[in-house]
């Protein structure tokens, strides 16, 4: 009955609008119809926006752009904007909370054992933020494509911004290119890999938002990504783009076809012309990570159970490269290195091997419980989680907020999908 009266009222409003328009401006019927239809479409779009989810997307985008405090503020604002709270906990929810609590309990015990009381407060705040974000994703599950779509828009804008800066500016380094751009306020070029990790999710969001038009948009996401990876001289971004493209074409059975992939050939030629140093870099071995990983392994050997704590790597690495000799084939980076560019070694060196083992077990459990789910968001989330693991082995760190947010977002989306599959969402 409510739907009937709602339809009657909606029909009355549309007819009334049409009559008013006709009185004010006697346009032909087809023009009046177009105006009324446009008004209805805009109204549907506005009514379909979930502001809590949109602000959540802004929070993750702010974290990627290097504004952690603003990101946390937006995260809490997203919680304030929740329209309806209906949470039913499932087995997968308890498993997530159990693994996260176990990791942070080990970290807290490590800090107390090492008499590092200054680490207790940030660890407690991080645990609270992770649990809060997890339930925020669970509550807003039906609208997550809006948050992902907002991050995809940031990816497109920043990529075009970097490309424009490259074309109209001097052939500066990739770091200078980022610093001189308007929107890409990133710290190092490989931070752009966070966008590459989310490419399968971007495709999912575009399919939800644009339907049949997605086939014309998705291939250009990858073309734009390949060009951006080339001008940034980022091998990691290029690797993630390639893996995502293979997954997208072979597993997701999306709108990407052979003709779309063929466009990448002239794009690659253009990249060679614009950024030949990138392809020279691709042909060289990425040996600069070896001293970093070696230093982290030595840290683990020294303190395998409790680790050496937050921010312990930079000082240890500085002394390590002074006392350790490497062959000429291996590049030794003498800059300040706050993390070892491997998130699993980093956690082991900071809080002991057990913390890293629990993290790996949690990731395996996440893949296991989601393997039989057929919810549309599950497969893109699994693929993005695979890309996250690859990036985590070469670049990411838990010292920055955005890898943590993205990891929790992916696991939260997969867990919420499992709840929906079980009829709890």
Protein backbone atom coordinates (compact mmCIF):
# COMPACT_ATOMS: atom_id res chain seq x y z
CA UNK A 1 0.00 0.00 0.00
CA UNK A 2 2.85 2.37 0.88
CA UNK A 3 4.50 1.64 -2.47
CA UNK A 4 1.20 2.33 -4.27
CA UNK A 5 0.70 5.70 -2.57
CA UNK A 6 4.40 6.52 -3.08
CA UNK A 7 4.00 5.83 -6.81
CA UNK A 8 0.83 7.94 -6.94
CA UNK A 9 2.50 10.84 -5.18
CA UNK A 10 5.61 10.52 -7.38
CA UNK A 11 3.42 10.49 -10.50
CA UNK A 12 1.51 13.54 -9.28
CA UNK A 13 4.79 15.44 -8.68
CA UNK A 14 6.08 14.62 -12.19
CA UNK A 15 2.81 15.66 -13.84
CA UNK A 16 2.68 18.84 -11.79
CA UNK A 17 6.27 19.66 -12.80
CA UNK A 18 5.41 19.12 -16.45
CA UNK A 19 2.38 21.45 -16.23
CA UNK A 20 4.40 24.19 -14.54
CA UNK A 21 7.13 23.95 -17.18
CA UNK A 22 4.53 24.15 -19.94
CA UNK A 23 2.98 27.28 -18.43
CA UNK A 24 6.32 29.03 -17.92
CA UNK A 25 7.87 28.10 -21.22
CA UNK A 26 5.72 26.52 -23.92
CA UNK A 27 8.37 24.10 -25.25
CA UNK A 28 7.61 21.25 -27.62
CA UNK A 29 6.45 18.03 -25.95
CA UNK A 30 9.66 16.07 -26.58
CA UNK A 31 11.80 18.82 -24.96
CA UNK A 32 9.51 18.98 -21.92
CA UNK A 33 9.70 15.18 -21.62
CA UNK A 34 13.51 15.29 -21.75
CA UNK A 35 13.62 17.89 -18.97
CA UNK A 36 11.26 15.91 -16.74
CA UNK A 37 13.22 12.67 -17.35
CA UNK A 38 16.51 14.43 -16.56
CA UNK A 39 14.96 15.74 -13.34
CA UNK A 40 13.84 12.24 -12.38
CA UNK A 41 17.27 10.77 -13.14
CA UNK A 42 19.05 13.40 -11.04
CA UNK A 43 16.62 12.81 -8.19
CA UNK A 44 17.25 9.05 -8.30
CA UNK A 45 21.01 9.60 -8.24
CA UNK A 46 20.79 11.91 -5.23
CA UNK A 47 18.45 9.54 -3.39
CA UNK A 48 20.76 6.59 -4.13
CA UNK A 49 23.83 8.19 -2.55
CA UNK A 50 24.82 6.80 0.84
CA UNK A 51 26.73 9.63 2.47
CA UNK A 52 28.39 7.45 5.08
CA UNK A 53 29.91 5.28 2.35
CA UNK A 54 30.96 8.27 0.24
CA UNK A 55 32.75 9.80 3.23
CA UNK A 56 34.40 6.42 3.83
CA UNK A 57 35.76 6.59 0.27
CA UNK A 58 37.01 10.11 0.95
CA UNK A 59 38.74 8.84 4.09
CA UNK A 60 40.66 6.16 2.18
CA UNK A 61 41.51 8.65 -0.58
CA UNK A 62 42.83 11.11 2.02
CA UNK A 63 45.02 8.36 3.46
CA UNK A 64 46.44 7.53 0.03
CA UNK A 65 47.14 11.22 -0.61
CA UNK A 66 49.12 11.49 2.61
CA UNK A 67 46.68 13.14 5.04
CA UNK A 68 46.39 10.57 7.88
CA UNK A 69 44.74 12.81 10.50
CA UNK A 70 42.17 14.10 8.04
CA UNK A 71 41.57 10.49 6.99
CA UNK A 72 40.82 9.45 10.58
CA UNK A 73 38.51 12.45 11.03
CA UNK A 74 36.57 11.49 7.89
CA UNK A 75 36.43 7.89 9.13
CA UNK A 76 34.64 8.94 12.30
CA UNK A 77 32.42 11.31 10.32
CA UNK A 78 31.43 8.35 8.16
CA UNK A 79 30.33 6.55 11.31
CA UNK A 80 28.28 9.55 12.40
CA UNK A 81 26.51 9.61 9.01
CA UNK A 82 25.30 6.00 9.23
CA UNK A 83 21.58 5.96 8.47
CA UNK A 84 20.71 2.49 9.73
CA UNK A 85 22.57 0.17 12.07
CA UNK A 86 21.77 -3.51 11.84
CA UNK A 87 24.70 -5.80 12.63
CA UNK A 88 24.57 -9.56 13.04
CA UNK A 89 27.87 -11.20 13.87
CA UNK A 90 28.86 -14.37 12.07
CA UNK A 91 31.64 -16.90 12.46
CA UNK A 92 33.84 -15.04 9.96
CA UNK A 93 33.43 -11.82 11.98
CA UNK A 94 34.62 -13.51 15.15
CA UNK A 95 37.55 -15.06 13.29
CA UNK A 96 38.62 -11.61 12.05
CA UNK A 97 38.37 -10.10 15.52
CA UNK A 98 40.28 -13.07 16.96
CA UNK A 99 43.19 -12.74 14.52
CA UNK A 100 43.42 -8.95 14.89
CA UNK A 101 43.27 -9.18 18.68
CA UNK A 102 45.98 -11.87 18.66
CA UNK A 103 48.34 -9.75 16.54
CA UNK A 104 47.84 -6.65 18.67
CA UNK A 105 48.14 -8.62 21.91
CA UNK A 106 51.54 -9.87 20.77
CA UNK A 107 52.54 -6.32 19.81
CA UNK A 108 51.45 -4.97 23.21
CA UNK A 109 53.29 -7.75 25.07
CA UNK A 110 56.38 -7.02 22.98
CA UNK A 111 56.20 -3.32 23.82
CA UNK A 112 55.78 -4.02 27.55
CA UNK A 113 58.61 -6.58 27.53
CA UNK A 114 60.95 -4.09 25.84
CA UNK A 115 59.85 -1.32 28.24
CA UNK A 116 58.58 0.70 25.26
CA UNK A 117 55.56 2.32 26.87
CA UNK A 118 55.36 4.96 24.13
CA UNK A 119 54.14 2.26 21.71
CA UNK A 120 51.07 1.30 23.76
CA UNK A 121 48.93 4.30 22.86
CA UNK A 122 49.38 4.17 19.04
CA UNK A 123 48.83 0.41 19.06
CA UNK A 124 45.60 0.77 21.03
CA UNK A 125 44.34 3.54 18.73
CA UNK A 126 45.22 1.44 15.67
CA UNK A 127 43.29 -1.55 17.04
CA UNK A 128 40.24 0.61 17.72
CA UNK A 129 40.37 2.14 14.22
CA UNK A 130 40.65 -1.28 12.56
CA UNK A 131 37.65 -2.71 14.42
CA UNK A 132 35.66 0.48 13.79
CA UNK A 133 36.45 0.40 10.04
CA UNK A 134 35.60 -3.30 9.86
CA UNK A 135 32.09 -2.76 11.24
CA UNK A 136 31.67 0.40 9.16
CA UNK A 137 32.27 -1.66 6.02
CA UNK A 138 29.93 -4.36 7.28
CA UNK A 139 27.12 -1.85 7.88
CA UNK A 140 27.57 -0.06 4.53
CA UNK A 141 28.18 -3.20 2.50
CA UNK A 142 25.37 -2.58 -0.02
CA UNK A 143 26.86 0.79 -0.98
CA UNK A 144 30.58 -0.02 -1.06
CA UNK A 145 30.68 0.45 -4.82
CA UNK A 146 30.11 4.17 -4.21
CA UNK A 147 33.21 4.45 -2.00
CA UNK A 148 35.24 2.46 -4.52
CA UNK A 149 33.93 4.62 -7.35
CA UNK A 150 35.09 7.75 -5.53
CA UNK A 151 38.59 6.31 -5.12
CA UNK A 152 38.54 5.34 -8.82
CA UNK A 153 37.73 8.96 -9.68
CA UNK A 154 40.77 10.05 -7.62
CA UNK A 155 42.88 7.53 -9.54
CA UNK A 156 41.74 8.92 -12.89
CA UNK A 157 42.22 12.56 -11.86
CA UNK A 158 45.70 11.95 -10.42
CA UNK A 159 46.78 9.89 -13.44
CA UNK A 160 45.69 12.61 -15.86
CA UNK A 161 47.33 15.21 -13.63
CA UNK A 162 50.65 13.33 -13.68
CA UNK A 163 50.43 12.79 -17.42
CA UNK A 164 49.73 16.48 -18.01
CA UNK A 165 52.62 17.49 -15.73
CA UNK A 166 54.89 15.15 -17.67
CA UNK A 167 53.86 16.47 -21.09
CA UNK A 168 53.99 20.20 -20.38
CA UNK A 169 56.90 20.22 -17.93
CA UNK A 170 60.56 19.36 -18.05
CA UNK A 171 61.63 15.74 -18.08
CA UNK A 172 62.06 15.71 -14.32
CA UNK A 173 62.42 12.69 -12.07
CA UNK A 174 59.34 10.76 -11.03
CA UNK A 175 59.57 12.15 -7.49
CA UNK A 176 59.76 15.73 -8.78
CA UNK A 177 56.93 14.96 -11.17
CA UNK A 178 54.70 13.94 -8.26
CA UNK A 179 55.76 16.89 -6.11
CA UNK A 180 55.01 19.35 -8.93
CA UNK A 181 51.59 17.90 -9.73
CA UNK A 182 48.37 19.25 -8.25
CA UNK A 183 46.48 16.22 -6.95
CA UNK A 184 49.05 13.42 -6.59
CA UNK A 185 50.38 14.42 -3.19
CA UNK A 186 52.19 11.12 -2.72
CA UNK A 187 55.49 10.55 -0.94
CA UNK A 188 57.23 8.17 -3.33
CA UNK A 189 56.29 6.88 -6.80
CA UNK A 190 55.58 3.36 -5.62
CA UNK A 191 52.82 4.66 -3.35
CA UNK A 192 50.86 4.93 -6.57
CA UNK A 193 50.71 1.14 -6.36
CA UNK A 194 47.77 1.52 -3.96
CA UNK A 195 45.65 2.56 -6.95
CA UNK A 196 46.95 -0.40 -8.96
CA UNK A 197 45.96 -2.77 -6.14
CA UNK A 198 42.38 -1.51 -6.32
CA UNK A 199 41.96 -1.87 -10.10
CA UNK A 200 39.76 -5.02 -9.89
CA UNK A 201 37.57 -3.16 -7.40
CA UNK A 202 37.43 -0.16 -9.73
CA UNK A 203 36.09 -2.42 -12.48
CA UNK A 204 33.45 -3.80 -10.12
CA UNK A 205 32.37 -0.29 -9.12
CA UNK A 206 32.16 0.91 -12.72
CA UNK A 207 29.97 -2.07 -13.63
CA UNK A 208 27.65 -1.22 -10.73
CA UNK A 209 27.51 2.49 -11.54
CA UNK A 210 27.51 2.54 -15.35
CA UNK A 211 26.15 -0.86 -16.39
CA UNK A 212 26.46 -1.35 -20.16
CA UNK A 213 28.77 1.66 -20.53
CA UNK A 214 31.41 -0.03 -18.35
CA UNK A 215 32.82 -1.83 -21.38
CA UNK A 216 33.98 1.50 -22.78
CA UNK A 217 35.49 2.71 -19.51
CA UNK A 218 37.33 -0.25 -17.96
CA UNK A 219 39.97 -0.74 -20.70
CA UNK A 220 40.95 2.91 -20.40
CA UNK A 221 41.61 2.44 -16.68
CA UNK A 222 44.38 0.01 -17.57
CA UNK A 223 45.67 2.08 -20.46
CA UNK A 224 45.90 5.09 -18.17
CA UNK A 225 47.59 2.96 -15.52
CA UNK A 226 50.22 1.59 -17.90
CA UNK A 227 51.11 5.08 -19.13
CA UNK A 228 51.31 6.42 -15.57
CA UNK A 229 53.51 3.52 -14.42
CA UNK A 230 55.87 4.27 -17.31
CA UNK A 231 56.21 7.99 -16.63
CA UNK A 232 56.72 7.26 -12.90
CA UNK A 233 59.40 4.66 -13.67
CA UNK A 234 57.65 2.27 -11.29
CA UNK A 235 58.29 -1.41 -11.95
CA UNK A 236 56.00 -2.39 -9.09
CA UNK A 237 53.06 -0.46 -10.55
CA UNK A 238 53.67 -2.01 -13.96
CA UNK A 239 53.81 -5.51 -12.43
CA UNK A 240 50.56 -4.97 -10.49
CA UNK A 241 48.86 -3.56 -13.59
CA UNK A 242 49.89 -6.62 -15.60
CA UNK A 243 48.67 -9.08 -12.95
CA UNK A 244 45.39 -7.18 -12.57
CA UNK A 245 44.90 -7.12 -16.34
CA UNK A 246 45.45 -10.89 -16.64
CA UNK A 247 43.02 -11.55 -13.79
CA UNK A 248 40.48 -9.14 -15.26
CA UNK A 249 40.60 -10.78 -18.68
CA UNK A 250 40.85 -14.45 -17.69
CA UNK A 251 38.91 -14.76 -14.43
CA UNK A 252 36.41 -11.95 -14.15
CA UNK A 253 35.15 -12.43 -17.74
CA UNK A 254 34.51 -8.72 -17.77
CA UNK A 255 34.02 -6.33 -20.65
CA UNK A 256 37.68 -6.44 -21.65
CA UNK A 257 38.13 -8.13 -25.04
CA UNK A 258 40.90 -8.75 -27.55
CA UNK A 259 40.26 -5.47 -29.37
CA UNK A 260 40.56 -3.55 -26.12
CA UNK A 261 43.80 -5.34 -25.24
CA UNK A 262 45.15 -4.58 -28.72
CA UNK A 263 45.02 -0.89 -27.84
CA UNK A 264 47.77 -1.55 -25.29
CA UNK A 265 50.27 -2.20 -28.11
CA UNK A 266 50.33 1.39 -29.46
CA UNK A 267 50.12 2.59 -25.87
CA UNK A 268 53.29 0.64 -25.06
CA UNK A 269 54.99 2.20 -28.11
CA UNK A 270 53.98 5.66 -26.92
CA UNK A 271 55.36 4.86 -23.46
CA UNK A 272 58.69 3.82 -24.99
CA UNK A 273 58.86 7.14 -26.81
CA UNK A 274 57.82 9.23 -23.81
CA UNK A 275 59.72 7.36 -21.07
CA UNK A 276 62.55 5.23 -22.50
CA UNK A 277 64.34 5.22 -19.12
CA UNK A 278 61.46 3.17 -17.66
CA UNK A 279 62.05 0.26 -20.02
CA UNK A 280 65.77 0.47 -19.38
CA UNK A 281 64.96 0.19 -15.68
CA UNK A 282 62.68 -2.80 -16.28
CA UNK A 283 65.56 -4.69 -17.88
CA UNK A 284 67.74 -4.23 -14.79
CA UNK A 285 67.50 -6.39 -11.68
CA UNK A 286 65.78 -4.82 -8.63
CA UNK A 287 68.69 -5.61 -6.30
CA UNK A 288 68.25 -2.60 -4.01
CA UNK A 289 65.75 -4.55 -1.87
CA UNK A 290 68.30 -7.25 -0.96
CA UNK A 291 70.23 -5.20 1.66
CA UNK A 292 66.93 -4.06 3.16
CA UNK A 293 65.62 -7.59 3.49
CA UNK A 294 68.97 -8.82 4.78
CA UNK A 295 68.97 -6.18 7.53
CA UNK A 296 65.40 -7.15 8.53
CA UNK A 297 66.36 -10.83 8.66
CA UNK A 298 69.29 -9.98 10.94
CA UNK A 299 66.87 -8.09 13.20
CA UNK A 300 64.64 -11.16 13.36
CA UNK A 301 67.59 -13.39 14.20
CA UNK A 302 68.58 -11.07 17.05
CA UNK A 303 65.08 -10.91 18.58
CA UNK A 304 62.87 -13.61 17.04
CA UNK A 305 60.21 -13.65 19.78
CA UNK A 306 59.56 -10.05 20.81
CA UNK A 307 61.13 -8.12 17.94
CA UNK A 308 62.79 -4.71 18.17
CA UNK A 309 59.74 -2.44 18.09
CA UNK A 310 58.32 0.42 16.03
CA UNK A 311 60.74 2.60 14.05
CA UNK A 312 63.66 0.34 14.89
CA UNK A 313 64.58 -0.51 11.32
CA UNK A 314 66.03 2.79 10.09
CA UNK A 315 68.82 2.97 12.69
CA UNK A 316 69.59 -0.72 12.37
CA UNK A 317 69.76 -0.51 8.57
CA UNK A 318 72.08 2.52 8.70
CA UNK A 319 74.57 0.60 10.84
CA UNK A 320 74.04 -2.61 8.86
CA UNK A 321 75.13 -1.20 5.50
CA UNK A 322 78.23 0.29 7.11
CA UNK A 323 79.39 -3.01 8.60
CA UNK A 324 78.23 -5.32 5.77
CA UNK A 325 79.79 -5.54 2.31
CA UNK A 326 77.77 -6.46 -0.79
CA UNK A 327 78.88 -7.43 -4.32
CA UNK A 328 78.91 -4.74 -6.99
CA UNK A 329 75.90 -6.37 -8.61
CA UNK A 330 73.74 -5.42 -5.60
CA UNK A 331 72.64 -1.81 -5.23
CA UNK A 332 72.96 -0.50 -1.68
CA UNK A 333 70.62 2.40 -0.98
CA UNK A 334 72.28 4.68 1.56
CA UNK A 335 69.23 6.91 2.11
CA UNK A 336 67.17 6.87 5.30
CA UNK A 337 65.02 3.73 5.15
CA UNK A 338 62.21 3.62 7.73
CA UNK A 339 61.01 0.13 6.66
CA UNK A 340 62.45 -2.92 4.87
CA UNK A 341 60.00 -2.83 1.93
CA UNK A 342 58.49 -6.17 2.91
CA UNK A 343 55.56 -5.96 5.28
CA UNK A 344 55.95 -9.55 6.53
CA UNK A 345 59.64 -9.10 7.38
CA UNK A 346 58.81 -5.72 8.91
CA UNK A 347 56.20 -7.16 11.29
CA UNK A 348 58.53 -10.03 12.21
CA UNK A 349 61.39 -7.64 12.93
CA UNK A 350 59.18 -5.28 14.94
CA UNK A 351 57.08 -7.71 17.02
CA UNK A 352 58.46 -11.19 16.47
CA UNK A 353 57.87 -14.05 14.09
CA UNK A 354 54.64 -15.15 15.76
CA UNK A 355 52.87 -11.88 14.83
CA UNK A 356 53.76 -12.34 11.16
CA UNK A 357 52.71 -16.01 11.25
CA UNK A 358 49.28 -15.04 12.63
CA UNK A 359 48.92 -12.43 9.87
CA UNK A 360 49.71 -15.02 7.20
CA UNK A 361 47.29 -17.50 8.80
CA UNK A 362 44.59 -14.82 8.80
CA UNK A 363 45.13 -14.13 5.09
CA UNK A 364 44.97 -17.85 4.30
CA UNK A 365 41.75 -18.17 6.32
CA UNK A 366 40.31 -15.20 4.44
CA UNK A 367 40.98 -16.85 1.08
CA UNK A 368 39.65 -20.16 2.38
CA UNK A 369 36.25 -19.00 3.63
CA UNK A 370 35.65 -16.83 0.54
CA UNK A 371 36.64 -19.45 -2.04
CA UNK A 372 33.10 -20.80 -2.52
CA UNK A 373 31.24 -17.49 -2.40
CA UNK A 374 29.54 -16.26 -5.57
CA UNK A 375 28.71 -12.72 -4.39
CA UNK A 376 29.88 -10.25 -7.12
CA UNK A 377 32.17 -8.27 -4.79
CA UNK A 378 34.09 -11.33 -3.55
CA UNK A 379 36.24 -12.11 -6.60
CA UNK A 380 37.44 -8.51 -7.16
CA UNK A 381 38.27 -8.31 -3.43
CA UNK A 382 40.23 -11.58 -3.59
CA UNK A 383 42.16 -10.36 -6.63
CA UNK A 384 42.94 -7.02 -4.97
CA UNK A 385 44.08 -8.90 -1.86
CA UNK A 386 46.46 -10.93 -4.04
CA UNK A 387 47.84 -7.69 -5.46
CA UNK A 388 48.16 -6.32 -1.93
CA UNK A 389 50.27 -9.31 -0.92
CA UNK A 390 52.52 -8.87 -3.98
CA UNK A 391 52.95 -5.16 -3.20
CA UNK A 392 53.51 -5.99 0.47
CA UNK A 393 56.47 -8.17 -0.44
CA UNK A 394 58.24 -5.31 -2.24
CA UNK A 395 57.03 -1.96 -0.92
CA UNK A 396 54.22 -1.53 1.63
CA UNK A 397 54.59 -0.78 5.33
CA UNK A 398 52.26 -0.78 8.33
CA UNK A 399 53.83 2.53 9.46
CA UNK A 400 51.52 4.35 7.05
CA UNK A 401 47.77 4.34 7.49
CA UNK A 402 46.64 3.64 3.93
CA UNK A 403 47.92 0.05 3.55
CA UNK A 404 46.19 -0.82 6.83
CA UNK A 405 42.93 0.82 5.70
CA UNK A 406 42.99 -0.93 2.34
CA UNK A 407 43.79 -4.33 3.88
CA UNK A 408 40.93 -3.99 6.39
CA UNK A 409 38.63 -2.76 3.60
CA UNK A 410 39.37 -5.84 1.48
CA UNK A 411 38.98 -8.32 4.33
CA UNK A 412 35.89 -6.50 5.59
CA UNK A 413 34.27 -6.62 2.15
CA UNK A 414 34.96 -10.36 1.84
CA UNK A 415 33.66 -11.04 5.36
CA UNK A 416 30.51 -8.98 4.74
CA UNK A 417 29.99 -10.93 1.51
CA UNK A 418 30.19 -14.16 3.49
CA UNK A 419 27.57 -12.81 5.87
CA UNK A 420 25.30 -11.95 2.96
CA UNK A 421 25.82 -15.45 1.58
CA UNK A 422 24.75 -16.87 4.95
CA UNK A 423 21.70 -14.60 5.05
CA UNK A 424 23.09 -12.40 7.85
CA UNK A 425 23.79 -9.29 5.74
